[in-house]
């Protein structure tokens, strides 16, 4: 199956870079023995950011890979469907 350009990948990378920055901050907070409540709130924010990036990645896959296989009918439809079945497990 031909690979499509994923236009959302740069945005997903930016989200993950922000999450990476937050994780570094959380580690620093732990080293500084900051309040557990503050750390837990930051961890929750990172979890949400990563979950959002994952959802966007799956949606991007559906929008580009699956839709392209259906529209072009290039014989990759079975593979696209199999990939879709696999990727939705991560939702």
PDB file of N, CA and C in Angstrom:
ATOM      1  N   UNK A   1       0.845  -1.186   0.000  1.00  0.00           N
ATOM      2  CA  UNK A   1       0.000   0.000   0.000  1.00  0.00           C
ATOM      3  C   UNK A   1       0.883   1.239   0.000  1.00  0.00           C
ATOM      4  N   UNK A   2       0.545   2.180  -0.792  1.00  0.00           N
ATOM      5  CA  UNK A   2       1.279   3.436  -0.906  1.00  0.00           C
ATOM      6  C   UNK A   2       1.064   4.277   0.350  1.00  0.00           C
ATOM      7  N   UNK A   3       2.120   4.862   0.870  1.00  0.00           N
ATOM      8  CA  UNK A   3       2.038   5.703   2.061  1.00  0.00           C
ATOM      9  C   UNK A   3       1.653   7.127   1.680  1.00  0.00           C
ATOM     10  N   UNK A   4       0.754   7.684   2.442  1.00  0.00           N
ATOM     11  CA  UNK A   4       0.299   9.051   2.210  1.00  0.00           C
ATOM     12  C   UNK A   4       1.064  10.002   3.120  1.00  0.00           C
ATOM     13  N   UNK A   5       1.090  11.264   2.709  1.00  0.00           N
ATOM     14  CA  UNK A   5       1.687  12.289   3.553  1.00  0.00           C
ATOM     15  C   UNK A   5       0.751  12.543   4.725  1.00  0.00           C
ATOM     16  N   UNK A   6       1.312  12.536   5.888  1.00  0.00           N
ATOM     17  CA  UNK A   6       0.523  12.768   7.100  1.00  0.00           C
ATOM     18  C   UNK A   6       0.672  14.230   7.507  1.00  0.00           C
ATOM     19  N   UNK A   7      -0.309  15.017   7.181  1.00  0.00           N
ATOM     20  CA  UNK A   7      -0.223  16.451   7.423  1.00  0.00           C
ATOM     21  C   UNK A   7      -0.299  16.795   8.908  1.00  0.00           C
ATOM     22  N   UNK A   8      -0.854  15.904   9.721  1.00  0.00           N
ATOM     23  CA  UNK A   8      -0.972  16.178  11.153  1.00  0.00           C
ATOM     24  C   UNK A   8       0.283  15.821  11.941  1.00  0.00           C
ATOM     25  N   UNK A   9       1.219  15.111  11.338  1.00  0.00           N
ATOM     26  CA  UNK A   9       2.397  14.674  12.094  1.00  0.00           C
ATOM     27  C   UNK A   9       3.193  15.830  12.698  1.00  0.00           C
ATOM     28  N   UNK A  10       3.417  16.938  12.003  1.00  0.00           N
ATOM     29  CA  UNK A  10       4.140  18.046  12.651  1.00  0.00           C
ATOM     30  C   UNK A  10       3.423  18.560  13.904  1.00  0.00           C
ATOM     31  N   UNK A  11       2.107  18.626  13.862  1.00  0.00           N
ATOM     32  CA  UNK A  11       1.352  19.071  15.043  1.00  0.00           C
ATOM     33  C   UNK A  11       1.461  18.051  16.177  1.00  0.00           C
ATOM     34  N   UNK A  12       1.440  16.779  15.832  1.00  0.00           N
ATOM     35  CA  UNK A  12       1.584  15.733  16.845  1.00  0.00           C
ATOM     36  C   UNK A  12       2.975  15.808  17.475  1.00  0.00           C
ATOM     37  N   UNK A  13       3.978  16.029  16.661  1.00  0.00           N
ATOM     38  CA  UNK A  13       5.344  16.171  17.181  1.00  0.00           C
ATOM     39  C   UNK A  13       5.419  17.343  18.146  1.00  0.00           C
ATOM     40  N   UNK A  14       4.792  18.453  17.794  1.00  0.00           N
ATOM     41  CA  UNK A  14       4.792  19.620  18.684  1.00  0.00           C
ATOM     42  C   UNK A  14       4.112  19.295  20.011  1.00  0.00           C
ATOM     43  N   UNK A  15       2.998  18.584  19.965  1.00  0.00           N
ATOM     44  CA  UNK A  15       2.306  18.196  21.203  1.00  0.00           C
ATOM     45  C   UNK A  15       3.211  17.329  22.076  1.00  0.00           C
ATOM     46  N   UNK A  16       3.888  16.386  21.446  1.00  0.00           N
ATOM     47  CA  UNK A  16       4.765  15.490  22.206  1.00  0.00           C
ATOM     48  C   UNK A  16       5.985  16.220  22.746  1.00  0.00           C
ATOM     49  N   UNK A  17       6.478  17.200  22.023  1.00  0.00           N
ATOM     50  CA  UNK A  17       7.599  18.003  22.538  1.00  0.00           C
ATOM     51  C   UNK A  17       7.173  18.810  23.763  1.00  0.00           C
ATOM     52  N   UNK A  18       5.955  19.339  23.723  1.00  0.00           N
ATOM     53  CA  UNK A  18       5.445  20.056  24.893  1.00  0.00           C
ATOM     54  C   UNK A  18       5.308  19.102  26.076  1.00  0.00           C
ATOM     55  N   UNK A  19       4.792  17.909  25.813  1.00  0.00           N
ATOM     56  CA  UNK A  19       4.662  16.908  26.879  1.00  0.00           C
ATOM     57  C   UNK A  19       6.032  16.546  27.430  1.00  0.00           C
ATOM     58  N   UNK A  20       7.027  16.434  26.550  1.00  0.00           N
ATOM     59  CA  UNK A  20       8.396  16.131  26.981  1.00  0.00           C
ATOM     60  C   UNK A  20       8.912  17.224  27.916  1.00  0.00           C
ATOM     61  N   UNK A  21       8.644  18.466  27.570  1.00  0.00           N
ATOM     62  CA  UNK A  21       9.043  19.584  28.426  1.00  0.00           C
ATOM     63  C   UNK A  21       8.365  19.525  29.775  1.00  0.00           C
ATOM     64  N   UNK A  22       7.079  19.182  29.782  1.00  0.00           N
ATOM     65  CA  UNK A  22       6.354  19.048  31.043  1.00  0.00           C
ATOM     66  C   UNK A  22       6.928  17.915  31.879  1.00  0.00           C
ATOM     67  N   UNK A  23       7.294  16.802  31.229  1.00  0.00           N
ATOM     68  CA  UNK A  23       7.888  15.683  31.968  1.00  0.00           C
ATOM     69  C   UNK A  23       9.191  16.094  32.636  1.00  0.00           C
ATOM     70  N   UNK A  24      10.002  16.862  31.932  1.00  0.00           N
ATOM     71  CA  UNK A  24      11.252  17.341  32.522  1.00  0.00           C
ATOM     72  C   UNK A  24      10.968  18.236  33.731  1.00  0.00           C
ATOM     73  N   UNK A  25       9.934  19.051  33.605  1.00  0.00           N
ATOM     74  CA  UNK A  25       9.543  19.901  34.722  1.00  0.00           C
ATOM     75  C   UNK A  25       9.090  19.057  35.905  1.00  0.00           C
ATOM     76  N   UNK A  26       8.325  18.012  35.621  1.00  0.00           N
ATOM     77  CA  UNK A  26       7.844  17.132  36.689  1.00  0.00           C
ATOM     78  C   UNK A  26       9.018  16.461  37.396  1.00  0.00           C
ATOM     79  N   UNK A  27       9.997  16.002  36.643  1.00  0.00           N
ATOM     80  CA  UNK A  27      11.171  15.375  37.266  1.00  0.00           C
ATOM     81  C   UNK A  27      11.901  16.373  38.169  1.00  0.00           C
ATOM     82  N   UNK A  28      11.995  17.610  37.697  1.00  0.00           N
ATOM     83  CA  UNK A  28      12.627  18.656  38.501  1.00  0.00           C
ATOM     84  C   UNK A  28      11.808  18.915  39.769  1.00  0.00           C
ATOM     85  N   UNK A  29      10.483  18.919  39.614  1.00  0.00           N
ATOM     86  CA  UNK A  29       9.614  19.117  40.776  1.00  0.00           C
ATOM     87  C   UNK A  29       9.824  18.007  41.800  1.00  0.00           C
ATOM     88  N   UNK A  30       9.978  16.788  41.327  1.00  0.00           N
ATOM     89  CA  UNK A  30      10.223  15.661  42.228  1.00  0.00           C
ATOM     90  C   UNK A  30      11.556  15.820  42.947  1.00  0.00           C
ATOM     91  N   UNK A  31      12.567  16.220  42.207  1.00  0.00           N
ATOM     92  CA  UNK A  31      13.888  16.419  42.804  1.00  0.00           C
ATOM     93  C   UNK A  31      13.855  17.528  43.853  1.00  0.00           C
ATOM     94  N   UNK A  32      13.023  18.531  43.607  1.00  0.00           N
ATOM     95  CA  UNK A  32      12.906  19.656  44.536  1.00  0.00           C
ATOM     96  C   UNK A  32      11.927  19.370  45.665  1.00  0.00           C
ATOM     97  N   UNK A  33      11.359  18.169  45.660  1.00  0.00           N
ATOM     98  CA  UNK A  33      10.413  17.742  46.703  1.00  0.00           C
ATOM     99  C   UNK A  33       9.199  18.669  46.796  1.00  0.00           C
ATOM    100  N   UNK A  34       8.691  19.035  45.636  1.00  0.00           N
ATOM    101  CA  UNK A  34       7.495  19.890  45.579  1.00  0.00           C
ATOM    102  C   UNK A  34       6.277  19.112  46.047  1.00  0.00           C
ATOM    103  N   UNK A  35       5.194  19.794  46.247  1.00  0.00           N
ATOM    104  CA  UNK A  35       3.967  19.185  46.764  1.00  0.00           C
ATOM    105  C   UNK A  35       3.440  18.111  45.812  1.00  0.00           C
ATOM    106  N   UNK A  36       3.033  16.995  46.388  1.00  0.00           N
ATOM    107  CA  UNK A  36       2.522  15.867  45.593  1.00  0.00           C
ATOM    108  C   UNK A  36       1.315  16.268  44.757  1.00  0.00           C
ATOM    109  N   UNK A  37       0.456  17.112  45.301  1.00  0.00           N
ATOM    110  CA  UNK A  37      -0.717  17.552  44.556  1.00  0.00           C
ATOM    111  C   UNK A  37      -0.309  18.279  43.277  1.00  0.00           C
ATOM    112  N   UNK A  38       0.665  19.168  43.385  1.00  0.00           N
ATOM    113  CA  UNK A  38       1.147  19.894  42.202  1.00  0.00           C
ATOM    114  C   UNK A  38       1.725  18.930  41.167  1.00  0.00           C
ATOM    115  N   UNK A  39       2.480  17.962  41.631  1.00  0.00           N
ATOM    116  CA  UNK A  39       3.092  16.984  40.723  1.00  0.00           C
ATOM    117  C   UNK A  39       2.020  16.136  40.061  1.00  0.00           C
ATOM    118  N   UNK A  40       1.044  15.693  40.845  1.00  0.00           N
ATOM    119  CA  UNK A  40      -0.040  14.872  40.292  1.00  0.00           C
ATOM    120  C   UNK A  40      -0.821  15.640  39.231  1.00  0.00           C
ATOM    121  N   UNK A  41      -1.045  16.926  39.458  1.00  0.00           N
ATOM    122  CA  UNK A  41      -1.747  17.747  38.469  1.00  0.00           C
ATOM    123  C   UNK A  41      -0.953  17.836  37.178  1.00  0.00           C
ATOM    124  N   UNK A  42       0.344  17.993  37.294  1.00  0.00           N
ATOM    125  CA  UNK A  42       1.190  18.070  36.107  1.00  0.00           C
ATOM    126  C   UNK A  42       1.226  16.731  35.369  1.00  0.00           C
ATOM    127  N   UNK A  43       1.272  15.635  36.115  1.00  0.00           N
ATOM    128  CA  UNK A  43       1.239  14.314  35.492  1.00  0.00           C
ATOM    129  C   UNK A  43      -0.066  14.101  34.736  1.00  0.00           C
ATOM    130  N   UNK A  44      -1.158  14.555  35.309  1.00  0.00           N
ATOM    131  CA  UNK A  44      -2.458  14.442  34.645  1.00  0.00           C
ATOM    132  C   UNK A  44      -2.453  15.224  33.337  1.00  0.00           C
ATOM    133  N   UNK A  45      -1.861  16.408  33.350  1.00  0.00           N
ATOM    134  CA  UNK A  45      -1.790  17.223  32.139  1.00  0.00           C
ATOM    135  C   UNK A  45      -0.971  16.519  31.064  1.00  0.00           C
ATOM    136  N   UNK A  46       0.126  15.870  31.448  1.00  0.00           N
ATOM    137  CA  UNK A  46       0.951  15.148  30.485  1.00  0.00           C
ATOM    138  C   UNK A  46       0.184  13.965  29.914  1.00  0.00           C
ATOM    139  N   UNK A  47      -0.521  13.233  30.767  1.00  0.00           N
ATOM    140  CA  UNK A  47      -1.330  12.101  30.300  1.00  0.00           C
ATOM    141  C   UNK A  47      -2.354  12.553  29.265  1.00  0.00           C
ATOM    142  N   UNK A  48      -3.014  13.659  29.533  1.00  0.00           N
ATOM    143  CA  UNK A  48      -4.004  14.181  28.591  1.00  0.00           C
ATOM    144  C   UNK A  48      -3.355  14.589  27.273  1.00  0.00           C
ATOM    145  N   UNK A  49      -2.202  15.219  27.345  1.00  0.00           N
ATOM    146  CA  UNK A  49      -1.508  15.655  26.130  1.00  0.00           C
ATOM    147  C   UNK A  49      -1.104  14.452  25.281  1.00  0.00           C
ATOM    148  N   UNK A  50      -0.616  13.406  25.906  1.00  0.00           N
ATOM    149  CA  UNK A  50      -0.206  12.212  25.166  1.00  0.00           C
ATOM    150  C   UNK A  50      -1.428  11.499  24.598  1.00  0.00           C
ATOM    151  N   UNK A  51      -2.490  11.393  25.375  1.00  0.00           N
ATOM    152  CA  UNK A  51      -3.715  10.762  24.873  1.00  0.00           C
ATOM    153  C   UNK A  51      -4.273  11.535  23.682  1.00  0.00           C
ATOM    154  N   UNK A  52      -4.202  12.852  23.750  1.00  0.00           N
ATOM    155  CA  UNK A  52      -4.673  13.683  22.647  1.00  0.00           C
ATOM    156  C   UNK A  52      -3.823  13.462  21.393  1.00  0.00           C
ATOM    157  N   UNK A  53      -2.518  13.363  21.574  1.00  0.00           N
ATOM    158  CA  UNK A  53      -1.624  13.105  20.438  1.00  0.00           C
ATOM    159  C   UNK A  53      -1.924  11.741  19.827  1.00  0.00           C
ATOM    160  N   UNK A  54      -2.191  10.774  20.658  1.00  0.00           N
ATOM    161  CA  UNK A  54      -2.500   9.429  20.166  1.00  0.00           C
ATOM    162  C   UNK A  54      -3.800   9.430  19.374  1.00  0.00           C
ATOM    163  N   UNK A  55      -4.821  10.091  19.896  1.00  0.00           N
ATOM    164  CA  UNK A  55      -6.089  10.179  19.166  1.00  0.00           C
ATOM    165  C   UNK A  55      -5.907  10.872  17.827  1.00  0.00           C
ATOM    166  N   UNK A  56      -5.129  11.939  17.819  1.00  0.00           N
ATOM    167  CA  UNK A  56      -4.889  12.666  16.572  1.00  0.00           C
ATOM    168  C   UNK A  56      -4.135  11.787  15.577  1.00  0.00           C
ATOM    169  N   UNK A  57      -3.189  10.998  16.047  1.00  0.00           N
ATOM    170  CA  UNK A  57      -2.446  10.097  15.171  1.00  0.00           C
ATOM    171  C   UNK A  57      -3.377   9.062  14.543  1.00  0.00           C
ATOM    172  N   UNK A  58      -4.256   8.472  15.347  1.00  0.00           N
ATOM    173  CA  UNK A  58      -5.197   7.474  14.831  1.00  0.00           C
ATOM    174  C   UNK A  58      -6.142   8.118  13.824  1.00  0.00           C
ATOM    175  N   UNK A  59      -6.646   9.306  14.150  1.00  0.00           N
ATOM    176  CA  UNK A  59      -7.543  10.000  13.229  1.00  0.00           C
ATOM    177  C   UNK A  59      -6.831  10.329  11.926  1.00  0.00           C
ATOM    178  N   UNK A  60      -5.575  10.752  12.020  1.00  0.00           N
ATOM    179  CA  UNK A  60      -4.784  11.044  10.830  1.00  0.00           C
ATOM    180  C   UNK A  60      -4.615   9.781   9.985  1.00  0.00           C
ATOM    181  N   UNK A  61      -4.398   8.659  10.635  1.00  0.00           N
ATOM    182  CA  UNK A  61      -4.277   7.394   9.911  1.00  0.00           C
ATOM    183  C   UNK A  61      -5.569   7.071   9.160  1.00  0.00           C
ATOM    184  N   UNK A  62      -6.687   7.262   9.835  1.00  0.00           N
ATOM    185  CA  UNK A  62      -7.980   7.001   9.198  1.00  0.00           C
ATOM    186  C   UNK A  62      -8.180   7.950   8.016  1.00  0.00           C
ATOM    187  N   UNK A  63      -7.907   9.228   8.234  1.00  0.00           N
ATOM    188  CA  UNK A  63      -8.134  10.237   7.203  1.00  0.00           C
ATOM    189  C   UNK A  63      -7.262  10.029   5.970  1.00  0.00           C
ATOM    190  N   UNK A  64      -6.044   9.570   6.162  1.00  0.00           N
ATOM    191  CA  UNK A  64      -5.127   9.481   5.033  1.00  0.00           C
ATOM    192  C   UNK A  64      -4.953   8.067   4.505  1.00  0.00           C
ATOM    193  N   UNK A  65      -4.583   7.153   5.352  1.00  0.00           N
ATOM    194  CA  UNK A  65      -4.252   5.801   4.882  1.00  0.00           C
ATOM    195  C   UNK A  65      -5.497   4.997   4.526  1.00  0.00           C
ATOM    196  N   UNK A  66      -6.425   4.935   5.439  1.00  0.00           N
ATOM    197  CA  UNK A  66      -7.615   4.118   5.207  1.00  0.00           C
ATOM    198  C   UNK A  66      -8.476   4.718   4.106  1.00  0.00           C
ATOM    199  N   UNK A  67      -8.706   6.006   4.194  1.00  0.00           N
ATOM    200  CA  UNK A  67      -9.540   6.662   3.189  1.00  0.00           C
ATOM    201  C   UNK A  67      -8.918   6.562   1.799  1.00  0.00           C
ATOM    202  N   UNK A  68      -7.602   6.719   1.720  1.00  0.00           N
ATOM    203  CA  UNK A  68      -6.925   6.611   0.426  1.00  0.00           C
ATOM    204  C   UNK A  68      -7.077   5.211  -0.163  1.00  0.00           C
ATOM    205  N   UNK A  69      -6.942   4.185   0.652  1.00  0.00           N
ATOM    206  CA  UNK A  69      -7.072   2.809   0.158  1.00  0.00           C
ATOM    207  C   UNK A  69      -8.470   2.554  -0.379  1.00  0.00           C
ATOM    208  N   UNK A  70      -9.473   3.107   0.282  1.00  0.00           N
ATOM    209  CA  UNK A  70     -10.851   2.920  -0.161  1.00  0.00           C
ATOM    210  C   UNK A  70     -11.110   3.704  -1.449  1.00  0.00           C
ATOM    211  N   UNK A  71     -10.622   4.926  -1.517  1.00  0.00           N
ATOM    212  CA  UNK A  71     -10.886   5.773  -2.685  1.00  0.00           C
ATOM    213  C   UNK A  71     -10.147   5.313  -3.932  1.00  0.00           C
ATOM    214  N   UNK A  72      -8.890   4.908  -3.767  1.00  0.00           N
ATOM    215  CA  UNK A  72      -8.109   4.555  -4.944  1.00  0.00           C
ATOM    216  C   UNK A  72      -8.376   3.143  -5.408  1.00  0.00           C
ATOM    217  N   UNK A  73      -8.800   2.276  -4.499  1.00  0.00           N
ATOM    218  CA  UNK A  73      -9.069   0.895  -4.870  1.00  0.00           C
ATOM    219  C   UNK A  73      -7.862   0.195  -5.458  1.00  0.00           C
ATOM    220  N   UNK A  74      -6.686   0.528  -4.955  1.00  0.00           N
ATOM    221  CA  UNK A  74      -5.452  -0.020  -5.506  1.00  0.00           C
ATOM    222  C   UNK A  74      -5.144  -1.426  -4.993  1.00  0.00           C
ATOM    223  N   UNK A  75      -6.080  -2.123  -4.417  1.00  0.00           N
ATOM    224  CA  UNK A  75      -5.829  -3.463  -3.930  1.00  0.00           C
ATOM    225  C   UNK A  75      -5.273  -3.503  -2.523  1.00  0.00           C
ATOM    226  N   UNK A  76      -5.013  -2.370  -1.939  1.00  0.00           N
ATOM    227  CA  UNK A  76      -4.488  -2.325  -0.576  1.00  0.00           C
ATOM    228  C   UNK A  76      -5.585  -2.223   0.459  1.00  0.00           C
ATOM    229  N   UNK A  77      -6.809  -2.421   0.031  1.00  0.00           N
ATOM    230  CA  UNK A  77      -7.939  -2.248   0.941  1.00  0.00           C
ATOM    231  C   UNK A  77      -7.899  -3.237   2.094  1.00  0.00           C
ATOM    232  N   UNK A  78      -7.559  -4.476   1.820  1.00  0.00           N
ATOM    233  CA  UNK A  78      -7.487  -5.488   2.882  1.00  0.00           C
ATOM    234  C   UNK A  78      -6.418  -5.110   3.883  1.00  0.00           C
ATOM    235  N   UNK A  79      -5.250  -4.698   3.409  1.00  0.00           N
ATOM    236  CA  UNK A  79      -4.162  -4.298   4.298  1.00  0.00           C
ATOM    237  C   UNK A  79      -4.567  -3.070   5.122  1.00  0.00           C
ATOM    238  N   UNK A  80      -5.230  -2.112   4.483  1.00  0.00           N
ATOM    239  CA  UNK A  80      -5.674  -0.911   5.190  1.00  0.00           C
ATOM    240  C   UNK A  80      -6.668  -1.273   6.280  1.00  0.00           C
ATOM    241  N   UNK A  81      -7.570  -2.188   5.985  1.00  0.00           N
ATOM    242  CA  UNK A  81      -8.544  -2.609   6.988  1.00  0.00           C
ATOM    243  C   UNK A  81      -7.855  -3.334   8.138  1.00  0.00           C
ATOM    244  N   UNK A  82      -6.900  -4.192   7.825  1.00  0.00           N
ATOM    245  CA  UNK A  82      -6.153  -4.896   8.871  1.00  0.00           C
ATOM    246  C   UNK A  82      -5.384  -3.918   9.757  1.00  0.00           C
ATOM    247  N   UNK A  83      -4.748  -2.908   9.138  1.00  0.00           N
ATOM    248  CA  UNK A  83      -4.042  -1.889   9.918  1.00  0.00           C
ATOM    249  C   UNK A  83      -5.004  -1.117  10.806  1.00  0.00           C
ATOM    250  N   UNK A  84      -6.174  -0.809  10.271  1.00  0.00           N
ATOM    251  CA  UNK A  84      -7.175  -0.081  11.056  1.00  0.00           C
ATOM    252  C   UNK A  84      -7.589  -0.892  12.271  1.00  0.00           C
ATOM    253  N   UNK A  85      -7.824  -2.167  12.084  1.00  0.00           N
ATOM    254  CA  UNK A  85      -8.207  -3.040  13.203  1.00  0.00           C
ATOM    255  C   UNK A  85      -7.128  -3.063  14.265  1.00  0.00           C
ATOM    256  N   UNK A  86      -5.891  -3.026  13.842  1.00  0.00           N
ATOM    257  CA  UNK A  86      -4.789  -3.039  14.797  1.00  0.00           C
ATOM    258  C   UNK A  86      -4.640  -1.714  15.529  1.00  0.00           C
ATOM    259  N   UNK A  87      -4.772  -0.620  14.795  1.00  0.00           N
ATOM    260  CA  UNK A  87      -4.504   0.690  15.405  1.00  0.00           C
ATOM    261  C   UNK A  87      -5.605   1.101  16.378  1.00  0.00           C
ATOM    262  N   UNK A  88      -6.837   0.669  16.148  1.00  0.00           N
ATOM    263  CA  UNK A  88      -7.914   1.070  17.061  1.00  0.00           C
ATOM    264  C   UNK A  88      -7.765   0.419  18.434  1.00  0.00           C
ATOM    265  N   UNK A  89      -6.954  -0.600  18.530  1.00  0.00           N
ATOM    266  CA  UNK A  89      -6.689  -1.210  19.849  1.00  0.00           C
ATOM    267  C   UNK A  89      -6.037  -0.222  20.799  1.00  0.00           C
ATOM    268  N   UNK A  90      -5.403   0.777  20.255  1.00  0.00           N
ATOM    269  CA  UNK A  90      -4.680   1.739  21.078  1.00  0.00           C
ATOM    270  C   UNK A  90      -5.527   2.925  21.533  1.00  0.00           C
ATOM    271  N   UNK A  91      -6.768   2.924  21.147  1.00  0.00           N
ATOM    272  CA  UNK A  91      -7.652   4.021  21.579  1.00  0.00           C
ATOM    273  C   UNK A  91      -8.126   3.824  22.998  1.00  0.00           C
TER     274      UNK A  91
END
